[in-house]
Amino acid sequence: MKRGFASDNNSGIHPEILEALSRANEGHAVGYGGDEITEMAIARFKQEFGENTDVYFVFNGTGANVLSLSTLTRSFHSVICADTAHIQTDECGAPEKFTGSKLLPVETIKGKISPQGIVKYLHGFDFEHHSQPGIISISQVTELGTVYSLDEIQAITALAHQHGLFVHMDGARIANAAVALNLPFCAFTVDAGIDVLSFGGTKNGMMMGEAVLFFNPGLAKSAKYIRKQSMQLFSKMRFVSAQFLAYFNNELWKKTATHSNQMAQLLVTEIRKIPAIQLTQEVEANGIFAIVPREIIPVLQEKYFFYMWDDHRSEVRWMTSFDTQEEDILNFVALIKSLV
């Protein structure tokens, strides 16, 4: 399949991560995380985020979000999130099914929620007829390709903690955010007041596997049981852990995310030269949203597959990946120009 712009999930596995998987395949190792590779990967996460970090590896992003939310909520709690949040729109109701909690969507500005939007849900505390606000969830990068600034995150965590709520970050594209912000991971997560993080790597060169990081001692007491019950405990866990070791080695994550972001900037630079295409969001990471003449979309999708975002507006989403090449961008743009 030709490299397209549908999703960074569609890209392959980075060669260095494939090599790490091959090395991990030698001999036998204790299952369910009792192996040396997993111990080293957990130590590497602690080096990045702090010694108090509790680390739980899972299969995928939905599993990471469900484990994060399930550990910190009970069924009478509510989860405040963006109306565009992945947990709200794209996880088939899994967070609500497994937590029993109510999702309360907040209207977004450029994909981000603000304290002003959250406040309307901060009531009914200690009132048994009202679901109890328990956690705020934000996505970094957002589902619209925008990035929360450090100040924006701190404002949300300060509000949450003032009212006794936890804050979860869906970091499916957290590496792209770190590159965009030019900050270490810890600066806009644990140091900014985030309580639990779904740390993703699959969209940035890994084969599979995510990590759930709890930053406050004691928060993760039930996490290992919930992970098992939610079918996210990998028996041959070394094959997830080995990928993360390679991912952090020599900052491979930064190289891949930097390239992905740069390819998005190249694409948006070229798209701005085409008056018939209207960009709808600021391009801050590796996602581009644009309104495209409806009649040319099927031809474009046939050559370079991508998804519609809002069919009513003829709005599309283009995602770049760690393996996107300049020629992919230039040839795609040339095709658009020929059609418009």
Protein backbone atom coordinates (compact mmCIF):
# COMPACT_ATOMS: atom_id res chain seq x y z
CA MET A 1 0.00 0.00 0.00
CA LYS A 2 1.36 3.41 -1.01
CA ARG A 3 2.23 5.76 1.83
CA GLY A 4 -0.81 7.94 2.32
CA PHE A 5 -2.04 10.44 4.88
CA ALA A 6 -4.83 8.52 6.63
CA SER A 7 -3.17 7.87 9.96
CA ASP A 8 0.20 7.48 11.64
CA ASN A 9 -1.25 4.10 12.69
CA ASN A 10 -0.90 3.00 9.07
CA SER A 11 2.87 3.36 9.04
CA GLY A 12 5.18 0.44 9.66
CA ILE A 13 7.65 -0.24 12.46
CA HIS A 14 10.88 1.69 12.80
CA PRO A 15 13.88 -0.56 11.92
CA GLU A 16 15.55 0.05 15.29
CA ILE A 17 12.43 -1.13 17.08
CA LEU A 18 12.22 -4.21 14.86
CA GLU A 19 15.83 -4.98 15.79
CA ALA A 20 14.99 -4.63 19.47
CA LEU A 21 12.10 -7.08 19.05
CA SER A 22 14.41 -9.54 17.35
CA ARG A 23 16.95 -9.33 20.18
CA ALA A 24 14.21 -9.80 22.77
CA ASN A 25 13.17 -12.99 20.95
CA GLU A 26 16.31 -14.86 21.96
CA GLY A 27 15.83 -17.53 24.61
CA HIS A 28 13.15 -17.66 27.29
CA ALA A 29 12.01 -15.00 29.75
CA VAL A 30 9.61 -14.94 32.69
CA GLY A 31 6.13 -13.94 31.55
CA TYR A 32 3.71 -11.21 32.65
CA GLY A 33 6.41 -8.61 33.25
CA GLY A 34 8.76 -10.59 35.46
CA ASP A 35 11.60 -10.34 32.94
CA GLU A 36 14.75 -8.22 32.92
CA ILE A 37 13.76 -6.28 29.81
CA THR A 38 10.55 -5.09 31.45
CA GLU A 39 12.46 -4.14 34.60
CA MET A 40 14.84 -2.05 32.49
CA ALA A 41 11.97 -0.40 30.61
CA ILE A 42 10.23 0.54 33.85
CA ALA A 43 13.51 1.98 35.16
CA ARG A 44 13.82 4.00 31.96
CA PHE A 45 10.36 5.48 32.45
CA LYS A 46 11.25 6.36 36.04
CA GLN A 47 14.38 8.08 34.76
CA GLU A 48 12.20 10.16 32.43
CA PHE A 49 9.31 10.91 34.80
CA GLY A 50 10.64 10.40 38.33
CA GLU A 51 11.17 7.57 40.80
CA ASN A 52 7.62 7.78 42.15
CA THR A 53 6.17 6.80 38.78
CA ASP A 54 4.22 3.53 38.65
CA VAL A 55 4.36 1.96 35.17
CA TYR A 56 1.91 -0.49 33.61
CA PHE A 57 2.31 -1.71 30.04
CA VAL A 58 -0.81 -2.47 27.99
CA PHE A 59 -1.66 -3.49 24.43
CA ASN A 60 -3.20 -0.34 22.94
CA GLY A 61 -4.43 3.20 23.44
CA THR A 62 -7.99 2.33 24.36
CA GLY A 63 -6.68 -0.10 26.93
CA ALA A 64 -4.38 2.57 28.34
CA ASN A 65 -7.22 5.07 28.67
CA VAL A 66 -9.57 2.52 30.21
CA LEU A 67 -6.96 1.41 32.75
CA SER A 68 -6.14 5.02 33.62
CA LEU A 69 -9.75 6.02 34.17
CA SER A 70 -10.88 2.78 35.79
CA THR A 71 -8.15 2.95 38.40
CA LEU A 72 -9.04 6.49 39.51
CA THR A 73 -12.85 6.39 39.31
CA ARG A 74 -15.85 4.47 40.53
CA SER A 75 -19.13 4.07 38.72
CA PHE A 76 -20.72 7.05 40.45
CA HIS A 77 -18.00 9.38 39.15
CA SER A 78 -18.06 11.45 35.97
CA VAL A 79 -15.22 12.11 33.55
CA ILE A 80 -15.00 15.60 32.07
CA CYS A 81 -13.47 15.63 28.59
CA ALA A 82 -13.47 17.43 25.25
CA ASP A 83 -16.43 16.78 22.97
CA THR A 84 -13.84 15.71 20.38
CA ALA A 85 -11.92 13.46 22.79
CA HIS A 86 -10.98 9.99 21.62
CA ILE A 87 -12.56 8.51 24.75
CA GLN A 88 -15.81 10.25 23.78
CA THR A 89 -15.96 9.63 20.03
CA ASP A 90 -13.70 6.76 19.00
CA GLU A 91 -13.51 4.08 21.67
CA CYS A 92 -16.93 2.48 21.15
CA GLY A 93 -18.04 3.44 24.65
CA ALA A 94 -15.26 1.38 26.26
CA PRO A 95 -14.43 3.97 28.96
CA GLU A 96 -18.08 4.15 30.01
CA LYS A 97 -18.55 0.38 29.81
CA PHE A 98 -15.54 -0.51 31.92
CA THR A 99 -15.61 2.39 34.39
CA GLY A 100 -19.37 2.74 34.67
CA SER A 101 -18.70 6.47 34.83
CA LYS A 102 -20.52 9.17 32.92
CA LEU A 103 -18.58 11.15 30.28
CA LEU A 104 -19.32 14.88 30.34
CA PRO A 105 -18.22 16.52 27.07
CA VAL A 106 -16.97 20.11 27.00
CA GLU A 107 -17.17 22.20 23.83
CA THR A 108 -13.67 22.81 22.57
CA ILE A 109 -11.77 25.75 21.18
CA LYS A 110 -9.35 24.41 18.57
CA GLY A 111 -9.68 20.96 20.10
CA LYS A 112 -8.80 22.11 23.62
CA ILE A 113 -10.89 22.52 26.73
CA SER A 114 -10.42 25.39 29.16
CA PRO A 115 -11.18 26.01 32.84
CA GLN A 116 -14.11 28.16 31.72
CA GLY A 117 -15.65 25.21 29.91
CA ILE A 118 -14.96 22.79 32.75
CA VAL A 119 -16.46 24.92 35.55
CA LYS A 120 -20.07 24.27 34.51
CA TYR A 121 -19.65 20.62 35.53
CA LEU A 122 -18.05 21.35 38.91
CA HIS A 123 -21.17 21.16 41.04
CA GLY A 124 -23.25 18.59 42.86
CA PHE A 125 -20.41 17.54 45.13
CA ASP A 126 -21.53 15.26 47.98
CA PHE A 127 -25.07 15.20 46.53
CA GLU A 128 -26.19 11.59 46.06
CA HIS A 129 -28.50 12.38 43.14
CA HIS A 130 -25.62 13.73 41.04
CA SER A 131 -22.73 11.85 39.46
CA GLN A 132 -19.63 13.03 41.27
CA PRO A 133 -17.00 14.83 39.14
CA GLY A 134 -13.95 12.64 39.50
CA ILE A 135 -11.48 13.23 36.71
CA ILE A 136 -10.69 15.58 33.84
CA SER A 137 -9.21 14.03 30.71
CA ILE A 138 -7.27 15.98 28.08
CA SER A 139 -5.54 14.80 24.90
CA GLN A 140 -2.01 15.87 24.06
CA VAL A 141 -1.80 16.23 21.00
CA THR A 142 -5.53 16.98 20.69
CA GLU A 143 -7.76 15.21 18.20
CA LEU A 144 -7.65 18.38 16.06
CA GLY A 145 -3.87 18.40 15.89
CA THR A 146 -3.38 21.25 18.33
CA VAL A 147 -1.10 21.23 21.37
CA TYR A 148 -1.86 22.38 24.92
CA SER A 149 0.69 24.88 26.19
CA LEU A 150 2.29 24.37 29.57
CA ASP A 151 0.24 27.25 30.99
CA GLU A 152 -3.01 25.75 29.67
CA ILE A 153 -2.25 22.39 31.29
CA GLN A 154 -1.31 23.96 34.60
CA ALA A 155 -4.52 25.99 34.65
CA ILE A 156 -6.58 22.82 34.19
CA THR A 157 -4.68 20.78 36.79
CA ALA A 158 -4.86 23.63 39.32
CA LEU A 159 -8.64 23.85 38.89
CA ALA A 160 -9.03 20.09 39.12
CA HIS A 161 -6.96 19.69 42.25
CA GLN A 162 -8.70 22.65 43.87
CA HIS A 163 -11.94 20.64 43.59
CA GLY A 164 -10.42 17.26 44.45
CA LEU A 165 -10.40 15.90 40.89
CA PHE A 166 -7.65 13.94 39.14
CA VAL A 167 -6.33 14.82 35.67
CA HIS A 168 -5.68 12.22 32.98
CA MET A 169 -3.72 12.90 29.80
CA ASP A 170 -4.31 10.82 26.68
CA GLY A 171 -0.81 10.95 25.22
CA ALA A 172 -1.30 8.87 22.10
CA ARG A 173 0.85 11.44 20.24
CA ILE A 174 2.75 12.76 23.23
CA ALA A 175 6.10 12.64 21.41
CA ASN A 176 4.78 15.00 18.73
CA ALA A 177 3.63 17.33 21.50
CA ALA A 178 7.02 17.24 23.25
CA VAL A 179 8.73 18.19 19.98
CA ALA A 180 6.22 20.96 19.28
CA LEU A 181 6.66 22.39 22.79
CA ASN A 182 10.41 21.76 22.87
CA LEU A 183 10.00 20.43 26.40
CA PRO A 184 10.91 17.16 28.14
CA PHE A 185 7.99 14.86 28.80
CA CYS A 186 8.02 15.47 32.54
CA ALA A 187 7.68 19.26 32.14
CA PHE A 188 4.13 19.14 30.80
CA THR A 189 2.95 15.99 32.58
CA VAL A 190 4.03 15.13 36.12
CA ASP A 191 5.62 18.53 36.80
CA ALA A 192 2.50 20.27 35.49
CA GLY A 193 0.16 18.37 37.80
CA ILE A 194 -1.02 15.47 35.60
CA ASP A 195 -1.98 12.48 37.77
CA VAL A 196 -2.09 9.68 35.21
CA LEU A 197 -0.77 9.51 31.65
CA SER A 198 -1.54 7.20 28.75
CA PHE A 199 1.87 7.21 27.07
CA GLY A 200 1.66 6.21 23.41
CA GLY A 201 4.30 4.99 20.99
CA THR A 202 2.38 3.05 18.36
CA LYS A 203 1.68 6.15 16.27
CA ASN A 204 5.36 7.09 16.31
CA GLY A 205 7.21 4.00 15.08
CA MET A 206 6.37 1.24 17.54
CA MET A 207 4.61 -1.97 16.58
CA MET A 208 2.21 -2.12 19.53
CA GLY A 209 1.96 -1.38 23.21
CA GLU A 210 1.38 1.68 25.36
CA ALA A 211 2.24 2.55 28.95
CA VAL A 212 0.05 3.87 31.77
CA LEU A 213 1.98 6.06 34.20
CA PHE A 214 0.64 6.98 37.64
CA PHE A 215 2.54 9.88 39.17
CA ASN A 216 1.26 9.98 42.75
CA PRO A 217 2.24 7.22 45.18
CA GLY A 218 -0.73 5.10 46.14
CA LEU A 219 -2.93 5.93 43.16
CA ALA A 220 -2.14 2.69 41.37
CA LYS A 221 -2.98 0.22 44.15
CA SER A 222 -5.68 -1.49 42.11
CA ALA A 223 -4.16 -0.98 38.65
CA LYS A 224 -2.63 -4.43 38.30
CA TYR A 225 -5.95 -6.11 39.04
CA ILE A 226 -7.89 -3.86 36.69
CA ARG A 227 -5.30 -4.43 33.96
CA LYS A 228 -5.80 -8.18 34.28
CA GLN A 229 -9.59 -7.95 34.35
CA SER A 230 -9.62 -5.68 31.31
CA MET A 231 -7.51 -8.19 29.35
CA GLN A 232 -4.54 -5.82 28.99
CA LEU A 233 -1.92 -7.95 30.77
CA PHE A 234 0.45 -9.23 28.08
CA SER A 235 1.98 -12.62 28.92
CA LYS A 236 5.08 -12.07 26.76
CA MET A 237 5.50 -8.54 28.03
CA ARG A 238 9.15 -8.30 27.07
CA PHE A 239 8.07 -7.63 23.48
CA VAL A 240 6.33 -4.43 24.56
CA SER A 241 9.09 -3.43 26.96
CA ALA A 242 11.86 -3.97 24.41
CA GLN A 243 10.20 -1.51 22.07
CA PHE A 244 10.16 1.21 24.71
CA LEU A 245 13.85 0.67 25.46
CA ALA A 246 14.63 1.20 21.78
CA TYR A 247 12.17 4.10 21.64
CA PHE A 248 14.03 5.99 24.38
CA ASN A 249 17.52 4.95 23.27
CA ASN A 250 19.35 7.94 21.78
CA GLU A 251 15.98 9.75 21.78
CA LEU A 252 14.64 7.79 18.85
CA TRP A 253 11.17 9.05 19.80
CA LYS A 254 12.34 12.63 19.22
CA LYS A 255 13.85 11.86 15.83
CA THR A 256 10.71 10.16 14.57
CA ALA A 257 8.30 12.76 15.97
CA THR A 258 10.44 15.64 14.72
CA HIS A 259 10.40 14.19 11.22
CA SER A 260 6.65 13.64 11.35
CA ASN A 261 6.02 17.22 12.50
CA GLN A 262 8.37 18.61 9.88
CA MET A 263 6.57 16.71 7.12
CA ALA A 264 3.30 18.22 8.32
CA GLN A 265 4.83 21.69 8.11
CA LEU A 266 6.05 20.99 4.58
CA LEU A 267 2.59 19.82 3.56
CA VAL A 268 0.85 22.84 5.06
CA THR A 269 3.36 25.20 3.44
CA GLU A 270 2.58 23.72 0.03
CA ILE A 271 -1.17 23.59 0.66
CA ARG A 272 -1.25 27.30 1.47
CA LYS A 273 -0.20 27.92 -2.12
CA ILE A 274 -3.48 26.43 -3.36
CA PRO A 275 -6.37 28.92 -2.96
CA ALA A 276 -9.01 26.20 -3.42
CA ILE A 277 -7.94 24.49 -0.19
CA GLN A 278 -8.93 26.04 3.14
CA LEU A 279 -7.04 25.04 6.30
CA THR A 280 -9.34 24.79 9.32
CA GLN A 281 -6.91 24.25 12.22
CA GLU A 282 -3.50 25.47 13.27
CA VAL A 283 -0.89 22.86 12.35
CA GLU A 284 1.11 22.33 15.54
CA ALA A 285 2.07 18.66 15.33
CA ASN A 286 1.51 16.10 12.55
CA GLY A 287 -2.15 16.61 11.67
CA ILE A 288 -3.59 18.86 8.95
CA PHE A 289 -7.31 19.62 8.67
CA ALA A 290 -8.62 21.23 5.49
CA ILE A 291 -11.74 21.84 3.46
CA VAL A 292 -11.23 20.38 0.00
CA PRO A 293 -13.47 20.61 -3.09
CA ARG A 294 -15.76 17.62 -2.73
CA GLU A 295 -15.44 16.46 -6.32
CA ILE A 296 -11.69 15.82 -6.14
CA ILE A 297 -11.65 13.91 -2.84
CA PRO A 298 -12.36 10.41 -4.26
CA VAL A 299 -9.54 10.75 -6.80
CA LEU A 300 -7.13 11.92 -4.10
CA GLN A 301 -8.14 9.10 -1.76
CA GLU A 302 -7.58 6.54 -4.48
CA LYS A 303 -3.98 7.67 -4.93
CA TYR A 304 -3.13 8.73 -1.37
CA PHE A 305 -5.60 7.31 1.13
CA PHE A 306 -6.89 9.59 3.89
CA TYR A 307 -10.07 10.00 5.93
CA MET A 308 -12.93 12.45 5.82
CA TRP A 309 -13.22 14.39 9.07
CA ASP A 310 -16.50 16.24 8.55
CA ASP A 311 -18.38 15.13 5.46
CA HIS A 312 -20.92 17.97 5.75
CA ARG A 313 -18.14 20.57 5.48
CA SER A 314 -16.05 18.54 3.02
CA GLU A 315 -13.33 18.66 5.66
CA VAL A 316 -10.53 16.08 5.55
CA ARG A 317 -7.73 15.05 7.88
CA TRP A 318 -4.19 14.42 6.65
CA MET A 319 -1.68 12.79 9.01
CA THR A 320 2.05 12.55 8.45
CA SER A 321 4.18 9.77 9.93
CA PHE A 322 7.76 9.00 10.91
CA ASP A 323 8.29 7.44 7.48
CA THR A 324 6.58 10.12 5.35
CA GLN A 325 8.95 11.31 2.63
CA GLU A 326 9.24 14.71 0.96
CA GLU A 327 8.39 13.11 -2.37
CA ASP A 328 5.11 11.86 -0.88
CA ILE A 329 4.20 15.43 0.02
CA LEU A 330 5.27 17.02 -3.26
CA ASN A 331 3.61 14.38 -5.42
CA PHE A 332 0.40 14.64 -3.40
CA VAL A 333 0.35 18.41 -3.71
CA ALA A 334 1.06 18.18 -7.44
CA LEU A 335 -1.94 15.87 -7.80
CA ILE A 336 -4.16 18.35 -5.93
CA LYS A 337 -3.00 21.18 -8.17
CA SER A 338 -3.73 19.15 -11.28
CA LEU A 339 -7.27 18.46 -10.08
CA VAL A 340 -8.25 21.95 -8.94
